[in-house]
């Protein structure tokens, strides 16, 4: 029996079971149990707890120390109490680490409806609801309504984009889910939303990094360091991102290998 046929049989049986009162109650109990799963992570003297309702979230927790060691090094170099914008915060692993390891004041931007609940849960689990602020608004190159396009709907999923239909390689996103929401530029986030000017920026949004930089020259001019994911073969992204960062007076310090062809975390600093 193939994987697809097994899946079909399970889904059919599940629909029939859920149609009963017992099935309905069982489903509620299962969902509550799944959302109560927690993974504990210890790194560099910091203990963290993360909600792990699926295999992807468990993987993110289990690979915390090994998946992006350069990101952890960048966070560990932040001044204590620094203001950090975590743009594309996902479920908040790095927001939590920065807040606990360096006592940073973190602004976590995450527009995915599938990740927002887990982000909030993770902040609460770690007692950081007063140190990390969630901004459920997409950053872009301007203010306005546009489509949030998603290539998957998993908890902890990535590879989505707002406003511009490009993925991390510069190709159109293979959309499986989308909705309309509002976006704002970095400059407007400070001037209109009155968010604190960041000293440090971490940007990982799978393809629209250069558009976000395009709308943030005033903010960038005061930033001390930026960690940004760039695909060197996505030429438009790579060239425009470098131009905006250089114009802000920042210099490329290091390119950090992510284990993905032609894709690096670029570490810029003043």
C-alpha atoms as a PDB file:
ATOM      1  CA  UNK A   1       0.000   0.000   0.000  1.00  0.00           C
ATOM      2  CA  UNK A   2       1.358   3.412  -0.967  1.00  0.00           C
ATOM      3  CA  UNK A   3       1.824   6.347   1.406  1.00  0.00           C
ATOM      4  CA  UNK A   4      -0.955   8.306  -0.333  1.00  0.00           C
ATOM      5  CA  UNK A   5      -3.418   5.418  -0.061  1.00  0.00           C
ATOM      6  CA  UNK A   6      -2.599   4.959   3.643  1.00  0.00           C
ATOM      7  CA  UNK A   7      -3.156   8.673   4.187  1.00  0.00           C
ATOM      8  CA  UNK A   8      -6.488   8.492   2.342  1.00  0.00           C
ATOM      9  CA  UNK A   9      -7.675   5.596   4.511  1.00  0.00           C
ATOM     10  CA  UNK A  10      -6.654   7.331   7.737  1.00  0.00           C
ATOM     11  CA  UNK A  11      -8.327  10.616   6.727  1.00  0.00           C
ATOM     12  CA  UNK A  12     -11.535   8.799   5.750  1.00  0.00           C
ATOM     13  CA  UNK A  13     -11.653   6.893   9.038  1.00  0.00           C
ATOM     14  CA  UNK A  14     -10.902  10.108  10.925  1.00  0.00           C
ATOM     15  CA  UNK A  15     -13.809  11.952   9.258  1.00  0.00           C
ATOM     16  CA  UNK A  16     -16.197   9.151  10.196  1.00  0.00           C
ATOM     17  CA  UNK A  17     -14.931   9.061  13.797  1.00  0.00           C
ATOM     18  CA  UNK A  18     -15.115  12.843  14.182  1.00  0.00           C
ATOM     19  CA  UNK A  19     -18.741  12.794  13.129  1.00  0.00           C
ATOM     20  CA  UNK A  20     -19.596  11.120  16.452  1.00  0.00           C
ATOM     21  CA  UNK A  21     -19.813  12.831  19.845  1.00  0.00           C
ATOM     22  CA  UNK A  22     -17.064  10.584  21.206  1.00  0.00           C
ATOM     23  CA  UNK A  23     -14.885  11.435  18.217  1.00  0.00           C
ATOM     24  CA  UNK A  24     -15.496  15.154  18.709  1.00  0.00           C
ATOM     25  CA  UNK A  25     -14.463  15.013  22.371  1.00  0.00           C
ATOM     26  CA  UNK A  26     -11.474  12.820  21.557  1.00  0.00           C
ATOM     27  CA  UNK A  27     -10.351  15.316  18.942  1.00  0.00           C
ATOM     28  CA  UNK A  28     -10.533  18.172  21.449  1.00  0.00           C
ATOM     29  CA  UNK A  29      -8.455  16.207  23.965  1.00  0.00           C
ATOM     30  CA  UNK A  30      -5.863  15.328  21.325  1.00  0.00           C
ATOM     31  CA  UNK A  31      -5.534  18.952  20.206  1.00  0.00           C
ATOM     32  CA  UNK A  32      -5.110  20.128  23.818  1.00  0.00           C
ATOM     33  CA  UNK A  33      -2.476  17.468  24.341  1.00  0.00           C
ATOM     34  CA  UNK A  34      -0.584  18.350  21.183  1.00  0.00           C
ATOM     35  CA  UNK A  35      -0.467  22.046  22.082  1.00  0.00           C
ATOM     36  CA  UNK A  36       0.812  21.158  25.558  1.00  0.00           C
ATOM     37  CA  UNK A  37       3.946  19.418  24.265  1.00  0.00           C
ATOM     38  CA  UNK A  38       7.048  21.316  25.352  1.00  0.00           C
ATOM     39  CA  UNK A  39      10.720  20.846  24.439  1.00  0.00           C
ATOM     40  CA  UNK A  40      13.394  22.078  26.854  1.00  0.00           C
ATOM     41  CA  UNK A  41      16.561  23.550  25.353  1.00  0.00           C
ATOM     42  CA  UNK A  42      19.760  24.422  27.249  1.00  0.00           C
ATOM     43  CA  UNK A  43      22.458  26.471  25.539  1.00  0.00           C
ATOM     44  CA  UNK A  44      25.323  28.559  26.897  1.00  0.00           C
ATOM     45  CA  UNK A  45      23.864  28.550  30.397  1.00  0.00           C
ATOM     46  CA  UNK A  46      20.385  29.536  29.208  1.00  0.00           C
ATOM     47  CA  UNK A  47      17.387  27.247  29.713  1.00  0.00           C
ATOM     48  CA  UNK A  48      14.432  27.729  27.362  1.00  0.00           C
ATOM     49  CA  UNK A  49      11.108  25.996  26.804  1.00  0.00           C
ATOM     50  CA  UNK A  50       9.365  25.803  23.448  1.00  0.00           C
ATOM     51  CA  UNK A  51       5.934  24.605  22.404  1.00  0.00           C
ATOM     52  CA  UNK A  52       6.361  21.631  20.048  1.00  0.00           C
ATOM     53  CA  UNK A  53       3.034  20.443  18.603  1.00  0.00           C
ATOM     54  CA  UNK A  54       4.572  18.876  15.479  1.00  0.00           C
ATOM     55  CA  UNK A  55       7.788  17.373  14.137  1.00  0.00           C
ATOM     56  CA  UNK A  56       8.932  20.668  12.573  1.00  0.00           C
ATOM     57  CA  UNK A  57       8.736  22.536  15.884  1.00  0.00           C
ATOM     58  CA  UNK A  58      10.508  19.664  17.633  1.00  0.00           C
ATOM     59  CA  UNK A  59      13.226  19.801  14.986  1.00  0.00           C
ATOM     60  CA  UNK A  60      13.647  23.547  15.489  1.00  0.00           C
ATOM     61  CA  UNK A  61      14.084  23.018  19.222  1.00  0.00           C
ATOM     62  CA  UNK A  62      16.333  19.951  18.909  1.00  0.00           C
ATOM     63  CA  UNK A  63      18.625  21.631  16.350  1.00  0.00           C
ATOM     64  CA  UNK A  64      18.794  24.952  18.198  1.00  0.00           C
ATOM     65  CA  UNK A  65      22.526  24.743  18.905  1.00  0.00           C
ATOM     66  CA  UNK A  66      23.562  23.345  15.510  1.00  0.00           C
ATOM     67  CA  UNK A  67      21.265  24.721  12.782  1.00  0.00           C
ATOM     68  CA  UNK A  68      22.584  28.317  12.714  1.00  0.00           C
ATOM     69  CA  UNK A  69      25.584  28.609  15.073  1.00  0.00           C
ATOM     70  CA  UNK A  70      26.572  31.952  13.526  1.00  0.00           C
ATOM     71  CA  UNK A  71      23.165  33.409  14.411  1.00  0.00           C
ATOM     72  CA  UNK A  72      23.737  32.374  18.012  1.00  0.00           C
ATOM     73  CA  UNK A  73      27.228  33.913  17.919  1.00  0.00           C
ATOM     74  CA  UNK A  74      25.770  37.171  16.559  1.00  0.00           C
ATOM     75  CA  UNK A  75      23.174  37.242  19.344  1.00  0.00           C
ATOM     76  CA  UNK A  76      25.801  36.481  21.983  1.00  0.00           C
ATOM     77  CA  UNK A  77      27.798  39.510  20.775  1.00  0.00           C
ATOM     78  CA  UNK A  78      24.875  41.917  21.312  1.00  0.00           C
ATOM     79  CA  UNK A  79      25.310  44.487  24.083  1.00  0.00           C
ATOM     80  CA  UNK A  80      23.305  43.670  27.170  1.00  0.00           C
ATOM     81  CA  UNK A  81      19.907  45.374  27.070  1.00  0.00           C
ATOM     82  CA  UNK A  82      20.113  46.181  23.333  1.00  0.00           C
ATOM     83  CA  UNK A  83      16.993  46.812  21.258  1.00  0.00           C
ATOM     84  CA  UNK A  84      16.676  44.044  18.663  1.00  0.00           C
ATOM     85  CA  UNK A  85      14.179  43.734  15.838  1.00  0.00           C
ATOM     86  CA  UNK A  86      13.676  40.069  14.920  1.00  0.00           C
ATOM     87  CA  UNK A  87      12.095  40.338  11.461  1.00  0.00           C
ATOM     88  CA  UNK A  88      10.576  37.002  10.507  1.00  0.00           C
ATOM     89  CA  UNK A  89      10.583  35.737  14.084  1.00  0.00           C
ATOM     90  CA  UNK A  90       8.745  32.486  13.238  1.00  0.00           C
ATOM     91  CA  UNK A  91       7.946  30.816  16.599  1.00  0.00           C
ATOM     92  CA  UNK A  92      10.476  32.943  18.464  1.00  0.00           C
ATOM     93  CA  UNK A  93      13.481  30.752  19.195  1.00  0.00           C
ATOM     94  CA  UNK A  94      16.008  33.527  18.582  1.00  0.00           C
ATOM     95  CA  UNK A  95      13.819  36.210  20.160  1.00  0.00           C
ATOM     96  CA  UNK A  96      13.686  34.122  23.317  1.00  0.00           C
ATOM     97  CA  UNK A  97      17.437  33.488  23.310  1.00  0.00           C
ATOM     98  CA  UNK A  98      18.311  37.158  22.798  1.00  0.00           C
ATOM     99  CA  UNK A  99      15.944  38.217  25.563  1.00  0.00           C
ATOM    100  CA  UNK A 100      17.241  35.638  28.038  1.00  0.00           C
ATOM    101  CA  UNK A 101      20.950  35.547  27.132  1.00  0.00           C
ATOM    102  CA  UNK A 102      21.518  39.291  26.604  1.00  0.00           C
ATOM    103  CA  UNK A 103      18.408  40.739  28.284  1.00  0.00           C
ATOM    104  CA  UNK A 104      17.519  42.382  24.976  1.00  0.00           C
ATOM    105  CA  UNK A 105      14.325  44.320  24.408  1.00  0.00           C
ATOM    106  CA  UNK A 106      13.022  42.456  21.361  1.00  0.00           C
ATOM    107  CA  UNK A 107      10.417  43.467  18.793  1.00  0.00           C
ATOM    108  CA  UNK A 108       9.351  40.248  17.032  1.00  0.00           C
ATOM    109  CA  UNK A 109       7.745  40.741  13.613  1.00  0.00           C
ATOM    110  CA  UNK A 110       5.730  37.710  12.479  1.00  0.00           C
ATOM    111  CA  UNK A 111       2.656  37.961  10.214  1.00  0.00           C
ATOM    112  CA  UNK A 112       1.985  34.208   9.809  1.00  0.00           C
ATOM    113  CA  UNK A 113      -1.291  33.254  11.467  1.00  0.00           C
ATOM    114  CA  UNK A 114       0.079  29.722  11.916  1.00  0.00           C
ATOM    115  CA  UNK A 115       3.142  30.856  13.861  1.00  0.00           C
ATOM    116  CA  UNK A 116       1.707  33.671  15.954  1.00  0.00           C
ATOM    117  CA  UNK A 117       0.055  31.466  18.568  1.00  0.00           C
ATOM    118  CA  UNK A 118       3.250  29.455  19.073  1.00  0.00           C
ATOM    119  CA  UNK A 119       5.307  32.640  19.281  1.00  0.00           C
ATOM    120  CA  UNK A 120       3.016  33.958  22.022  1.00  0.00           C
ATOM    121  CA  UNK A 121       3.056  30.617  23.849  1.00  0.00           C
ATOM    122  CA  UNK A 122       6.863  30.502  23.756  1.00  0.00           C
ATOM    123  CA  UNK A 123       7.195  33.989  25.182  1.00  0.00           C
ATOM    124  CA  UNK A 124       4.805  33.084  27.996  1.00  0.00           C
ATOM    125  CA  UNK A 125       6.554  29.757  28.695  1.00  0.00           C
ATOM    126  CA  UNK A 126       9.813  31.662  29.162  1.00  0.00           C
ATOM    127  CA  UNK A 127       8.345  34.550  31.168  1.00  0.00           C
ATOM    128  CA  UNK A 128       9.226  37.107  28.480  1.00  0.00           C
ATOM    129  CA  UNK A 129       5.853  38.682  27.797  1.00  0.00           C
ATOM    130  CA  UNK A 130       7.160  41.997  29.193  1.00  0.00           C
ATOM    131  CA  UNK A 131      10.496  41.941  27.339  1.00  0.00           C
ATOM    132  CA  UNK A 132       9.471  40.761  23.850  1.00  0.00           C
ATOM    133  CA  UNK A 133       6.735  42.547  21.885  1.00  0.00           C
ATOM    134  CA  UNK A 134       4.916  40.736  19.073  1.00  0.00           C
ATOM    135  CA  UNK A 135       4.137  42.793  15.980  1.00  0.00           C
ATOM    136  CA  UNK A 136       1.760  40.698  13.811  1.00  0.00           C
ATOM    137  CA  UNK A 137       2.317  42.978  10.815  1.00  0.00           C
ATOM    138  CA  UNK A 138       4.487  42.293   7.790  1.00  0.00           C
ATOM    139  CA  UNK A 139       7.408  44.574   7.065  1.00  0.00           C
ATOM    140  CA  UNK A 140       7.634  45.662   3.432  1.00  0.00           C
ATOM    141  CA  UNK A 141       8.682  48.663   1.348  1.00  0.00           C
ATOM    142  CA  UNK A 142       5.603  50.748   2.163  1.00  0.00           C
ATOM    143  CA  UNK A 143       2.274  51.044   3.923  1.00  0.00           C
ATOM    144  CA  UNK A 144      -0.737  49.217   2.501  1.00  0.00           C
ATOM    145  CA  UNK A 145      -2.825  46.098   2.110  1.00  0.00           C
ATOM    146  CA  UNK A 146      -1.429  43.142   0.189  1.00  0.00           C
ATOM    147  CA  UNK A 147      -1.357  39.356   0.015  1.00  0.00           C
ATOM    148  CA  UNK A 148       0.427  37.126   2.486  1.00  0.00           C
ATOM    149  CA  UNK A 149       1.358  34.094   0.368  1.00  0.00           C
ATOM    150  CA  UNK A 150       2.345  30.826   2.034  1.00  0.00           C
ATOM    151  CA  UNK A 151       3.916  27.689   0.613  1.00  0.00           C
ATOM    152  CA  UNK A 152       2.819  25.587   3.613  1.00  0.00           C
ATOM    153  CA  UNK A 153       0.526  25.809   6.626  1.00  0.00           C
ATOM    154  CA  UNK A 154       2.596  23.902   9.180  1.00  0.00           C
ATOM    155  CA  UNK A 155       3.128  25.212  12.685  1.00  0.00           C
ATOM    156  CA  UNK A 156       6.661  26.567  12.614  1.00  0.00           C
ATOM    157  CA  UNK A 157       6.650  26.723   8.820  1.00  0.00           C
ATOM    158  CA  UNK A 158       8.557  29.246   6.732  1.00  0.00           C
ATOM    159  CA  UNK A 159       8.960  30.038   3.012  1.00  0.00           C
ATOM    160  CA  UNK A 160       6.217  32.636   2.741  1.00  0.00           C
ATOM    161  CA  UNK A 161       6.151  36.191   1.465  1.00  0.00           C
ATOM    162  CA  UNK A 162       4.213  39.429   1.697  1.00  0.00           C
ATOM    163  CA  UNK A 163       3.458  41.897  -1.052  1.00  0.00           C
ATOM    164  CA  UNK A 164       5.935  40.658  -3.652  1.00  0.00           C
ATOM    165  CA  UNK A 165       5.418  37.208  -5.128  1.00  0.00           C
ATOM    166  CA  UNK A 166       9.007  35.951  -4.871  1.00  0.00           C
ATOM    167  CA  UNK A 167      10.499  33.126  -2.864  1.00  0.00           C
ATOM    168  CA  UNK A 168      14.024  32.790  -1.474  1.00  0.00           C
ATOM    169  CA  UNK A 169      15.333  31.974  -4.964  1.00  0.00           C
ATOM    170  CA  UNK A 170      13.542  34.813  -6.745  1.00  0.00           C
ATOM    171  CA  UNK A 171      10.939  32.474  -8.264  1.00  0.00           C
ATOM    172  CA  UNK A 172       7.154  32.774  -7.749  1.00  0.00           C
ATOM    173  CA  UNK A 173       5.934  31.252  -4.491  1.00  0.00           C
ATOM    174  CA  UNK A 174       4.115  27.930  -4.809  1.00  0.00           C
ATOM    175  CA  UNK A 175       1.060  29.179  -2.944  1.00  0.00           C
ATOM    176  CA  UNK A 176      -1.010  26.725  -0.893  1.00  0.00           C
ATOM    177  CA  UNK A 177      -2.658  29.364   1.312  1.00  0.00           C
ATOM    178  CA  UNK A 178      -2.988  33.148   1.262  1.00  0.00           C
ATOM    179  CA  UNK A 179      -4.841  36.021   2.871  1.00  0.00           C
ATOM    180  CA  UNK A 180      -4.834  39.781   2.709  1.00  0.00           C
ATOM    181  CA  UNK A 181      -3.253  41.777   5.494  1.00  0.00           C
ATOM    182  CA  UNK A 182      -1.420  45.019   6.094  1.00  0.00           C
ATOM    183  CA  UNK A 183       2.246  45.807   5.668  1.00  0.00           C
ATOM    184  CA  UNK A 184       4.385  48.691   6.807  1.00  0.00           C
ATOM    185  CA  UNK A 185       7.933  49.851   6.115  1.00  0.00           C
ATOM    186  CA  UNK A 186      10.642  49.919   8.775  1.00  0.00           C
ATOM    187  CA  UNK A 187      10.645  53.713   8.711  1.00  0.00           C
ATOM    188  CA  UNK A 188       6.863  53.792   9.200  1.00  0.00           C
ATOM    189  CA  UNK A 189       7.069  51.237  12.004  1.00  0.00           C
ATOM    190  CA  UNK A 190       9.055  53.860  13.939  1.00  0.00           C
ATOM    191  CA  UNK A 191       7.288  57.023  12.778  1.00  0.00           C
ATOM    192  CA  UNK A 192       3.678  55.758  12.712  1.00  0.00           C
ATOM    193  CA  UNK A 193       3.629  52.834  15.148  1.00  0.00           C
ATOM    194  CA  UNK A 194       6.162  54.483  17.467  1.00  0.00           C
ATOM    195  CA  UNK A 195       8.211  51.313  17.822  1.00  0.00           C
ATOM    196  CA  UNK A 196      11.641  51.805  19.391  1.00  0.00           C
ATOM    197  CA  UNK A 197      14.523  52.461  17.015  1.00  0.00           C
ATOM    198  CA  UNK A 198      16.510  49.223  16.865  1.00  0.00           C
ATOM    199  CA  UNK A 199      20.209  49.063  17.470  1.00  0.00           C
ATOM    200  CA  UNK A 200      20.327  45.626  15.866  1.00  0.00           C
ATOM    201  CA  UNK A 201      18.384  43.909  13.082  1.00  0.00           C
ATOM    202  CA  UNK A 202      17.958  40.216  12.313  1.00  0.00           C
ATOM    203  CA  UNK A 203      16.096  39.701   9.016  1.00  0.00           C
ATOM    204  CA  UNK A 204      15.074  36.292   7.650  1.00  0.00           C
ATOM    205  CA  UNK A 205      11.949  36.499   5.476  1.00  0.00           C
ATOM    206  CA  UNK A 206      12.720  34.090   2.610  1.00  0.00           C
ATOM    207  CA  UNK A 207      12.969  36.370  -0.389  1.00  0.00           C
ATOM    208  CA  UNK A 208      11.759  39.901   0.359  1.00  0.00           C
ATOM    209  CA  UNK A 209      14.712  41.064   2.449  1.00  0.00           C
ATOM    210  CA  UNK A 210      15.717  43.705  -0.112  1.00  0.00           C
ATOM    211  CA  UNK A 211      12.210  45.183  -0.225  1.00  0.00           C
ATOM    212  CA  UNK A 212      12.222  45.555   3.553  1.00  0.00           C
ATOM    213  CA  UNK A 213      15.594  47.304   3.412  1.00  0.00           C
ATOM    214  CA  UNK A 214      14.230  49.572   0.660  1.00  0.00           C
ATOM    215  CA  UNK A 215      11.693  50.975   3.122  1.00  0.00           C
ATOM    216  CA  UNK A 216      14.111  51.443   5.993  1.00  0.00           C
ATOM    217  CA  UNK A 217      16.923  53.861   5.217  1.00  0.00           C
ATOM    218  CA  UNK A 218      16.206  56.128   8.195  1.00  0.00           C
ATOM    219  CA  UNK A 219      16.184  53.129  10.527  1.00  0.00           C
ATOM    220  CA  UNK A 220      19.262  51.560   8.934  1.00  0.00           C
ATOM    221  CA  UNK A 221      21.236  54.773   9.348  1.00  0.00           C
ATOM    222  CA  UNK A 222      21.154  54.284  13.131  1.00  0.00           C
ATOM    223  CA  UNK A 223      21.543  50.506  13.319  1.00  0.00           C
ATOM    224  CA  UNK A 224      24.814  49.113  14.664  1.00  0.00           C
ATOM    225  CA  UNK A 225      24.656  45.639  13.126  1.00  0.00           C
ATOM    226  CA  UNK A 226      22.470  43.586  10.777  1.00  0.00           C
ATOM    227  CA  UNK A 227      22.239  39.822  10.297  1.00  0.00           C
ATOM    228  CA  UNK A 228      20.374  39.126   7.065  1.00  0.00           C
ATOM    229  CA  UNK A 229      19.807  35.990   4.972  1.00  0.00           C
ATOM    230  CA  UNK A 230      20.734  36.520   1.307  1.00  0.00           C
ATOM    231  CA  UNK A 231      20.814  34.173  -1.698  1.00  0.00           C
ATOM    232  CA  UNK A 232      23.804  35.191  -3.838  1.00  0.00           C
ATOM    233  CA  UNK A 233      22.170  33.732  -6.950  1.00  0.00           C
ATOM    234  CA  UNK A 234      19.061  35.874  -6.470  1.00  0.00           C
ATOM    235  CA  UNK A 235      20.932  38.757  -8.077  1.00  0.00           C
ATOM    236  CA  UNK A 236      18.262  41.451  -7.650  1.00  0.00           C
ATOM    237  CA  UNK A 237      18.052  40.679  -3.947  1.00  0.00           C
ATOM    238  CA  UNK A 238      21.798  40.427  -3.367  1.00  0.00           C
ATOM    239  CA  UNK A 239      22.683  43.631  -5.217  1.00  0.00           C
ATOM    240  CA  UNK A 240      19.876  45.794  -3.827  1.00  0.00           C
ATOM    241  CA  UNK A 241      20.370  44.568  -0.263  1.00  0.00           C
ATOM    242  CA  UNK A 242      24.090  45.342  -0.412  1.00  0.00           C
ATOM    243  CA  UNK A 243      23.401  48.802  -1.834  1.00  0.00           C
ATOM    244  CA  UNK A 244      20.968  49.751   0.937  1.00  0.00           C
ATOM    245  CA  UNK A 245      23.270  48.455   3.674  1.00  0.00           C
ATOM    246  CA  UNK A 246      26.321  50.234   2.270  1.00  0.00           C
ATOM    247  CA  UNK A 247      24.359  53.469   1.823  1.00  0.00           C
ATOM    248  CA  UNK A 248      23.492  53.249   5.522  1.00  0.00           C
ATOM    249  CA  UNK A 249      27.195  53.213   6.371  1.00  0.00           C
ATOM    250  CA  UNK A 250      27.405  49.496   7.180  1.00  0.00           C
ATOM    251  CA  UNK A 251      30.211  47.165   6.094  1.00  0.00           C
ATOM    252  CA  UNK A 252      30.013  43.433   5.363  1.00  0.00           C
ATOM    253  CA  UNK A 253      31.917  41.707   8.166  1.00  0.00           C
ATOM    254  CA  UNK A 254      31.241  38.021   7.535  1.00  0.00           C
ATOM    255  CA  UNK A 255      29.244  35.625   5.368  1.00  0.00           C
ATOM    256  CA  UNK A 256      27.975  32.659   7.363  1.00  0.00           C
ATOM    257  CA  UNK A 257      27.320  29.339   5.594  1.00  0.00           C
ATOM    258  CA  UNK A 258      23.794  28.020   6.154  1.00  0.00           C
ATOM    259  CA  UNK A 259      24.352  24.695   4.428  1.00  0.00           C
ATOM    260  CA  UNK A 260      22.070  25.779   1.574  1.00  0.00           C
ATOM    261  CA  UNK A 261      23.649  26.366  -1.873  1.00  0.00           C
ATOM    262  CA  UNK A 262      24.528  30.048  -2.448  1.00  0.00           C
ATOM    263  CA  UNK A 263      22.622  31.200   0.650  1.00  0.00           C
ATOM    264  CA  UNK A 264      24.333  32.902   3.579  1.00  0.00           C
ATOM    265  CA  UNK A 265      23.634  34.868   6.697  1.00  0.00           C
ATOM    266  CA  UNK A 266      25.435  38.125   6.038  1.00  0.00           C
ATOM    267  CA  UNK A 267      26.778  39.893   9.127  1.00  0.00           C
ATOM    268  CA  UNK A 268      27.002  43.648   8.578  1.00  0.00           C
ATOM    269  CA  UNK A 269      28.273  46.129  11.150  1.00  0.00           C
ATOM    270  CA  UNK A 270      29.135  49.782  11.552  1.00  0.00           C
END
